[in-house]
Amino acid sequence: MSTGRREARVLAVQGLYLYEVRNDCTVDEVLQFDWLSEDERLGISEATFQFAQLMIRGTLEQLAEIDTTIESYLIRWDIDRLARVDLSILRLSIYALLFQQDIPEKVTIHEAVLLAQELSGDKAYSFINGILDTCVKDRRKRGAEHDSAEKRE
């Protein structure tokens, strides 16, 4: 996997976090990466910016479905109680699992764990890994049940 995609994921999490914590922030503002300094912007390729924009836009467009999915895996916990950075990582990762079929599930989970280790608290990576792993197993199970039902017809 290219370093550009890793960097794009960090930018996407930062953008989703910004969108979540700033009530006056619009999607267009997030997609412009105005929170970066000029020096930071110069070190980032256009392809990296484009991939980050794709992930941010896609996540925000599918936010209701993504949050419903996250909530379905929270046991005795409410989505509003999640740390905002953890929520941003989960949203980005669930978006990738549900809507970016060209990215292997293992890559999405691995990247989410790395993002959590880098950007969040000590145990966040374990929590995020657990949610994403359960989501993947459930999707596979539903897919197998669907395939089995089609064969019976």
C-alpha atoms as a PDB file:
ATOM      1  CA  MET A   1       0.000   0.000   0.000  1.00  0.00           C
ATOM      2  CA  SER A   2       1.339   3.389  -0.868  1.00  0.00           C
ATOM      3  CA  THR A   3       2.370   5.932   1.712  1.00  0.00           C
ATOM      4  CA  GLY A   4       0.017   8.386  -0.020  1.00  0.00           C
ATOM      5  CA  ARG A   5      -3.025   6.332   0.919  1.00  0.00           C
ATOM      6  CA  ARG A   6      -1.862   6.103   4.526  1.00  0.00           C
ATOM      7  CA  GLU A   7      -1.385   9.863   4.597  1.00  0.00           C
ATOM      8  CA  ALA A   8      -4.787  10.319   2.944  1.00  0.00           C
ATOM      9  CA  ARG A   9      -6.429   8.257   5.673  1.00  0.00           C
ATOM     10  CA  VAL A  10      -4.841  10.450   8.352  1.00  0.00           C
ATOM     11  CA  LEU A  11      -6.130  13.544   6.536  1.00  0.00           C
ATOM     12  CA  ALA A  12      -9.577  11.968   6.209  1.00  0.00           C
ATOM     13  CA  VAL A  13      -9.754  11.203   9.937  1.00  0.00           C
ATOM     14  CA  GLN A  14      -8.642  14.761  10.702  1.00  0.00           C
ATOM     15  CA  GLY A  15     -11.297  16.132   8.358  1.00  0.00           C
ATOM     16  CA  LEU A  16     -14.050  13.948   9.817  1.00  0.00           C
ATOM     17  CA  TYR A  17     -12.971  14.933  13.314  1.00  0.00           C
ATOM     18  CA  LEU A  18     -13.054  18.619  12.384  1.00  0.00           C
ATOM     19  CA  TYR A  19     -16.515  18.220  10.851  1.00  0.00           C
ATOM     20  CA  GLU A  20     -17.732  16.518  14.028  1.00  0.00           C
ATOM     21  CA  VAL A  21     -16.368  18.981  16.594  1.00  0.00           C
ATOM     22  CA  ARG A  22     -16.913  22.282  14.774  1.00  0.00           C
ATOM     23  CA  ASN A  23     -20.591  23.082  14.494  1.00  0.00           C
ATOM     24  CA  ASP A  24     -19.989  25.759  11.862  1.00  0.00           C
ATOM     25  CA  CYS A  25     -17.838  23.640   9.544  1.00  0.00           C
ATOM     26  CA  THR A  26     -19.241  22.782   6.112  1.00  0.00           C
ATOM     27  CA  VAL A  27     -18.357  19.790   3.986  1.00  0.00           C
ATOM     28  CA  ASP A  28     -16.753  22.115   1.421  1.00  0.00           C
ATOM     29  CA  GLU A  29     -14.507  23.642   4.085  1.00  0.00           C
ATOM     30  CA  VAL A  30     -13.394  20.206   5.213  1.00  0.00           C
ATOM     31  CA  LEU A  31     -12.644  19.174   1.632  1.00  0.00           C
ATOM     32  CA  GLN A  32     -10.388  22.221   1.179  1.00  0.00           C
ATOM     33  CA  PHE A  33      -8.102  21.125   4.060  1.00  0.00           C
ATOM     34  CA  ASP A  34      -7.930  24.687   5.371  1.00  0.00           C
ATOM     35  CA  TRP A  35      -6.730  23.480   8.754  1.00  0.00           C
ATOM     36  CA  LEU A  36      -3.342  22.584   7.245  1.00  0.00           C
ATOM     37  CA  SER A  37      -0.531  25.098   7.175  1.00  0.00           C
ATOM     38  CA  GLU A  38       0.950  26.126   3.833  1.00  0.00           C
ATOM     39  CA  ASP A  39       4.082  24.081   4.564  1.00  0.00           C
ATOM     40  CA  GLU A  40       2.008  20.993   5.361  1.00  0.00           C
ATOM     41  CA  ARG A  41       0.030  21.398   2.152  1.00  0.00           C
ATOM     42  CA  LEU A  42       3.174  21.629   0.030  1.00  0.00           C
ATOM     43  CA  GLY A  43       4.343  18.228   1.238  1.00  0.00           C
ATOM     44  CA  ILE A  44       1.168  16.412   0.187  1.00  0.00           C
ATOM     45  CA  SER A  45       0.567  15.142  -3.333  1.00  0.00           C
ATOM     46  CA  GLU A  46      -2.578  15.903  -5.295  1.00  0.00           C
ATOM     47  CA  ALA A  47      -3.382  12.173  -5.429  1.00  0.00           C
ATOM     48  CA  THR A  48      -3.259  12.030  -1.624  1.00  0.00           C
ATOM     49  CA  PHE A  49      -5.607  15.009  -1.339  1.00  0.00           C
ATOM     50  CA  GLN A  50      -7.977  13.441  -3.877  1.00  0.00           C
ATOM     51  CA  PHE A  51      -8.129  10.103  -2.056  1.00  0.00           C
ATOM     52  CA  ALA A  52      -8.723  11.882   1.272  1.00  0.00           C
ATOM     53  CA  GLN A  53     -11.502  13.960  -0.329  1.00  0.00           C
ATOM     54  CA  LEU A  54     -13.104  10.820  -1.781  1.00  0.00           C
ATOM     55  CA  MET A  55     -13.154   9.164   1.638  1.00  0.00           C
ATOM     56  CA  ILE A  56     -14.408  12.240   3.484  1.00  0.00           C
ATOM     57  CA  ARG A  57     -17.147  12.976   0.951  1.00  0.00           C
ATOM     58  CA  GLY A  58     -18.236   9.343   0.800  1.00  0.00           C
ATOM     59  CA  THR A  59     -18.286   8.984   4.571  1.00  0.00           C
ATOM     60  CA  LEU A  60     -20.336  12.141   5.060  1.00  0.00           C
ATOM     61  CA  GLU A  61     -22.756  11.200   2.260  1.00  0.00           C
ATOM     62  CA  GLN A  62     -23.373   7.807   3.884  1.00  0.00           C
ATOM     63  CA  LEU A  63     -23.179   9.033   7.491  1.00  0.00           C
ATOM     64  CA  ALA A  64     -26.642   7.846   8.563  1.00  0.00           C
ATOM     65  CA  GLU A  65     -26.026   4.266   7.396  1.00  0.00           C
ATOM     66  CA  ILE A  66     -22.491   4.284   8.804  1.00  0.00           C
ATOM     67  CA  ASP A  67     -23.635   5.509  12.223  1.00  0.00           C
ATOM     68  CA  THR A  68     -26.472   2.963  12.282  1.00  0.00           C
ATOM     69  CA  THR A  69     -23.908   0.243  11.549  1.00  0.00           C
ATOM     70  CA  ILE A  70     -21.585   1.475  14.307  1.00  0.00           C
ATOM     71  CA  GLU A  71     -24.464   1.698  16.786  1.00  0.00           C
ATOM     72  CA  SER A  72     -25.460  -1.887  16.025  1.00  0.00           C
ATOM     73  CA  TYR A  73     -22.085  -3.067  17.373  1.00  0.00           C
ATOM     74  CA  LEU A  74     -22.001  -0.941  20.513  1.00  0.00           C
ATOM     75  CA  ILE A  75     -23.071  -3.059  23.449  1.00  0.00           C
ATOM     76  CA  ARG A  76     -24.300  -1.075  26.457  1.00  0.00           C
ATOM     77  CA  TRP A  77     -22.707   2.001  24.921  1.00  0.00           C
ATOM     78  CA  ASP A  78     -24.000   5.020  23.050  1.00  0.00           C
ATOM     79  CA  ILE A  79     -22.366   6.483  19.951  1.00  0.00           C
ATOM     80  CA  ASP A  80     -22.435   9.939  21.562  1.00  0.00           C
ATOM     81  CA  ARG A  81     -20.130   8.675  24.305  1.00  0.00           C
ATOM     82  CA  LEU A  82     -17.367   7.605  21.916  1.00  0.00           C
ATOM     83  CA  ALA A  83     -14.246   9.739  21.760  1.00  0.00           C
ATOM     84  CA  ARG A  84     -14.601  11.914  18.665  1.00  0.00           C
ATOM     85  CA  VAL A  85     -11.326  10.698  17.172  1.00  0.00           C
ATOM     86  CA  ASP A  86     -12.386   7.060  17.674  1.00  0.00           C
ATOM     87  CA  LEU A  87     -15.727   7.823  16.055  1.00  0.00           C
ATOM     88  CA  SER A  88     -13.946   9.445  13.101  1.00  0.00           C
ATOM     89  CA  ILE A  89     -11.724   6.378  12.644  1.00  0.00           C
ATOM     90  CA  LEU A  90     -14.727   4.051  12.891  1.00  0.00           C
ATOM     91  CA  ARG A  91     -16.761   6.111  10.434  1.00  0.00           C
ATOM     92  CA  LEU A  92     -13.952   6.142   7.883  1.00  0.00           C
ATOM     93  CA  SER A  93     -13.338   2.419   8.291  1.00  0.00           C
ATOM     94  CA  ILE A  94     -17.003   1.413   8.125  1.00  0.00           C
ATOM     95  CA  TYR A  95     -17.316   3.535   4.986  1.00  0.00           C
ATOM     96  CA  ALA A  96     -14.402   1.626   3.451  1.00  0.00           C
ATOM     97  CA  LEU A  97     -15.859  -1.750   4.449  1.00  0.00           C
ATOM     98  CA  LEU A  98     -19.328  -0.971   3.118  1.00  0.00           C
ATOM     99  CA  PHE A  99     -18.600   1.145   0.063  1.00  0.00           C
ATOM    100  CA  GLN A 100     -14.985   0.698  -1.080  1.00  0.00           C
ATOM    101  CA  GLN A 101     -15.081  -2.891  -2.267  1.00  0.00           C
ATOM    102  CA  ASP A 102     -11.710  -2.517  -4.009  1.00  0.00           C
ATOM    103  CA  ILE A 103      -9.939  -2.198  -0.640  1.00  0.00           C
ATOM    104  CA  PRO A 104      -9.414  -5.544   1.118  1.00  0.00           C
ATOM    105  CA  GLU A 105     -11.121  -5.824   4.500  1.00  0.00           C
ATOM    106  CA  LYS A 106      -7.825  -6.795   6.168  1.00  0.00           C
ATOM    107  CA  VAL A 107      -6.230  -3.591   4.887  1.00  0.00           C
ATOM    108  CA  THR A 108      -9.102  -1.470   6.202  1.00  0.00           C
ATOM    109  CA  ILE A 109      -8.900  -3.059   9.650  1.00  0.00           C
ATOM    110  CA  HIS A 110      -5.108  -2.850   9.782  1.00  0.00           C
ATOM    111  CA  GLU A 111      -5.151   0.805   8.776  1.00  0.00           C
ATOM    112  CA  ALA A 112      -7.826   1.563  11.387  1.00  0.00           C
ATOM    113  CA  VAL A 113      -5.710  -0.057  14.097  1.00  0.00           C
ATOM    114  CA  LEU A 114      -2.663   1.959  13.014  1.00  0.00           C
ATOM    115  CA  LEU A 115      -4.704   5.169  12.974  1.00  0.00           C
ATOM    116  CA  ALA A 116      -6.023   4.455  16.463  1.00  0.00           C
ATOM    117  CA  GLN A 117      -2.535   3.700  17.771  1.00  0.00           C
ATOM    118  CA  GLU A 118      -1.262   6.948  16.289  1.00  0.00           C
ATOM    119  CA  LEU A 119      -4.155   9.306  16.971  1.00  0.00           C
ATOM    120  CA  SER A 120      -6.093   7.956  19.954  1.00  0.00           C
ATOM    121  CA  GLY A 121      -5.780   6.514  23.445  1.00  0.00           C
ATOM    122  CA  ASP A 122      -3.898   3.419  24.551  1.00  0.00           C
ATOM    123  CA  LYS A 123      -6.746   0.920  24.235  1.00  0.00           C
ATOM    124  CA  ALA A 124      -8.709   2.494  21.398  1.00  0.00           C
ATOM    125  CA  TYR A 125      -7.064   0.291  18.778  1.00  0.00           C
ATOM    126  CA  SER A 126      -8.392  -2.850  20.482  1.00  0.00           C
ATOM    127  CA  PHE A 127     -11.930  -1.453  20.693  1.00  0.00           C
ATOM    128  CA  ILE A 128     -11.871  -0.326  17.046  1.00  0.00           C
ATOM    129  CA  ASN A 129     -10.401  -3.643  15.905  1.00  0.00           C
ATOM    130  CA  GLY A 130     -13.169  -5.512  17.737  1.00  0.00           C
ATOM    131  CA  ILE A 131     -15.967  -3.483  16.161  1.00  0.00           C
ATOM    132  CA  LEU A 132     -14.554  -3.760  12.643  1.00  0.00           C
ATOM    133  CA  ASP A 133     -13.771  -7.463  12.973  1.00  0.00           C
ATOM    134  CA  THR A 134     -17.326  -8.160  14.145  1.00  0.00           C
ATOM    135  CA  CYS A 135     -18.717  -6.092  11.279  1.00  0.00           C
ATOM    136  CA  VAL A 136     -16.681  -8.070   8.730  1.00  0.00           C
ATOM    137  CA  LYS A 137     -17.722 -11.425  10.245  1.00  0.00           C
ATOM    138  CA  ASP A 138     -21.385 -10.387  10.228  1.00  0.00           C
ATOM    139  CA  ARG A 139     -21.192  -9.270   6.603  1.00  0.00           C
ATOM    140  CA  ARG A 140     -19.572 -12.553   5.589  1.00  0.00           C
ATOM    141  CA  LYS A 141     -22.205 -14.518   7.495  1.00  0.00           C
ATOM    142  CA  ARG A 142     -25.035 -12.572   5.839  1.00  0.00           C
ATOM    143  CA  GLY A 143     -23.368 -13.058   2.455  1.00  0.00           C
ATOM    144  CA  ALA A 144     -23.092 -16.813   3.022  1.00  0.00           C
ATOM    145  CA  GLU A 145     -26.740 -16.978   4.139  1.00  0.00           C
ATOM    146  CA  HIS A 146     -27.783 -15.012   1.045  1.00  0.00           C
ATOM    147  CA  ASP A 147     -25.773 -17.328  -1.236  1.00  0.00           C
ATOM    148  CA  SER A 148     -27.301 -20.369   0.463  1.00  0.00           C
ATOM    149  CA  ALA A 149     -30.827 -18.988   0.044  1.00  0.00           C
ATOM    150  CA  GLU A 150     -30.202 -18.319  -3.667  1.00  0.00           C
ATOM    151  CA  LYS A 151     -29.015 -21.883  -4.210  1.00  0.00           C
ATOM    152  CA  ARG A 152     -32.208 -23.264  -2.638  1.00  0.00           C
ATOM    153  CA  GLU A 153     -34.360 -21.259  -5.055  1.00  0.00           C
END
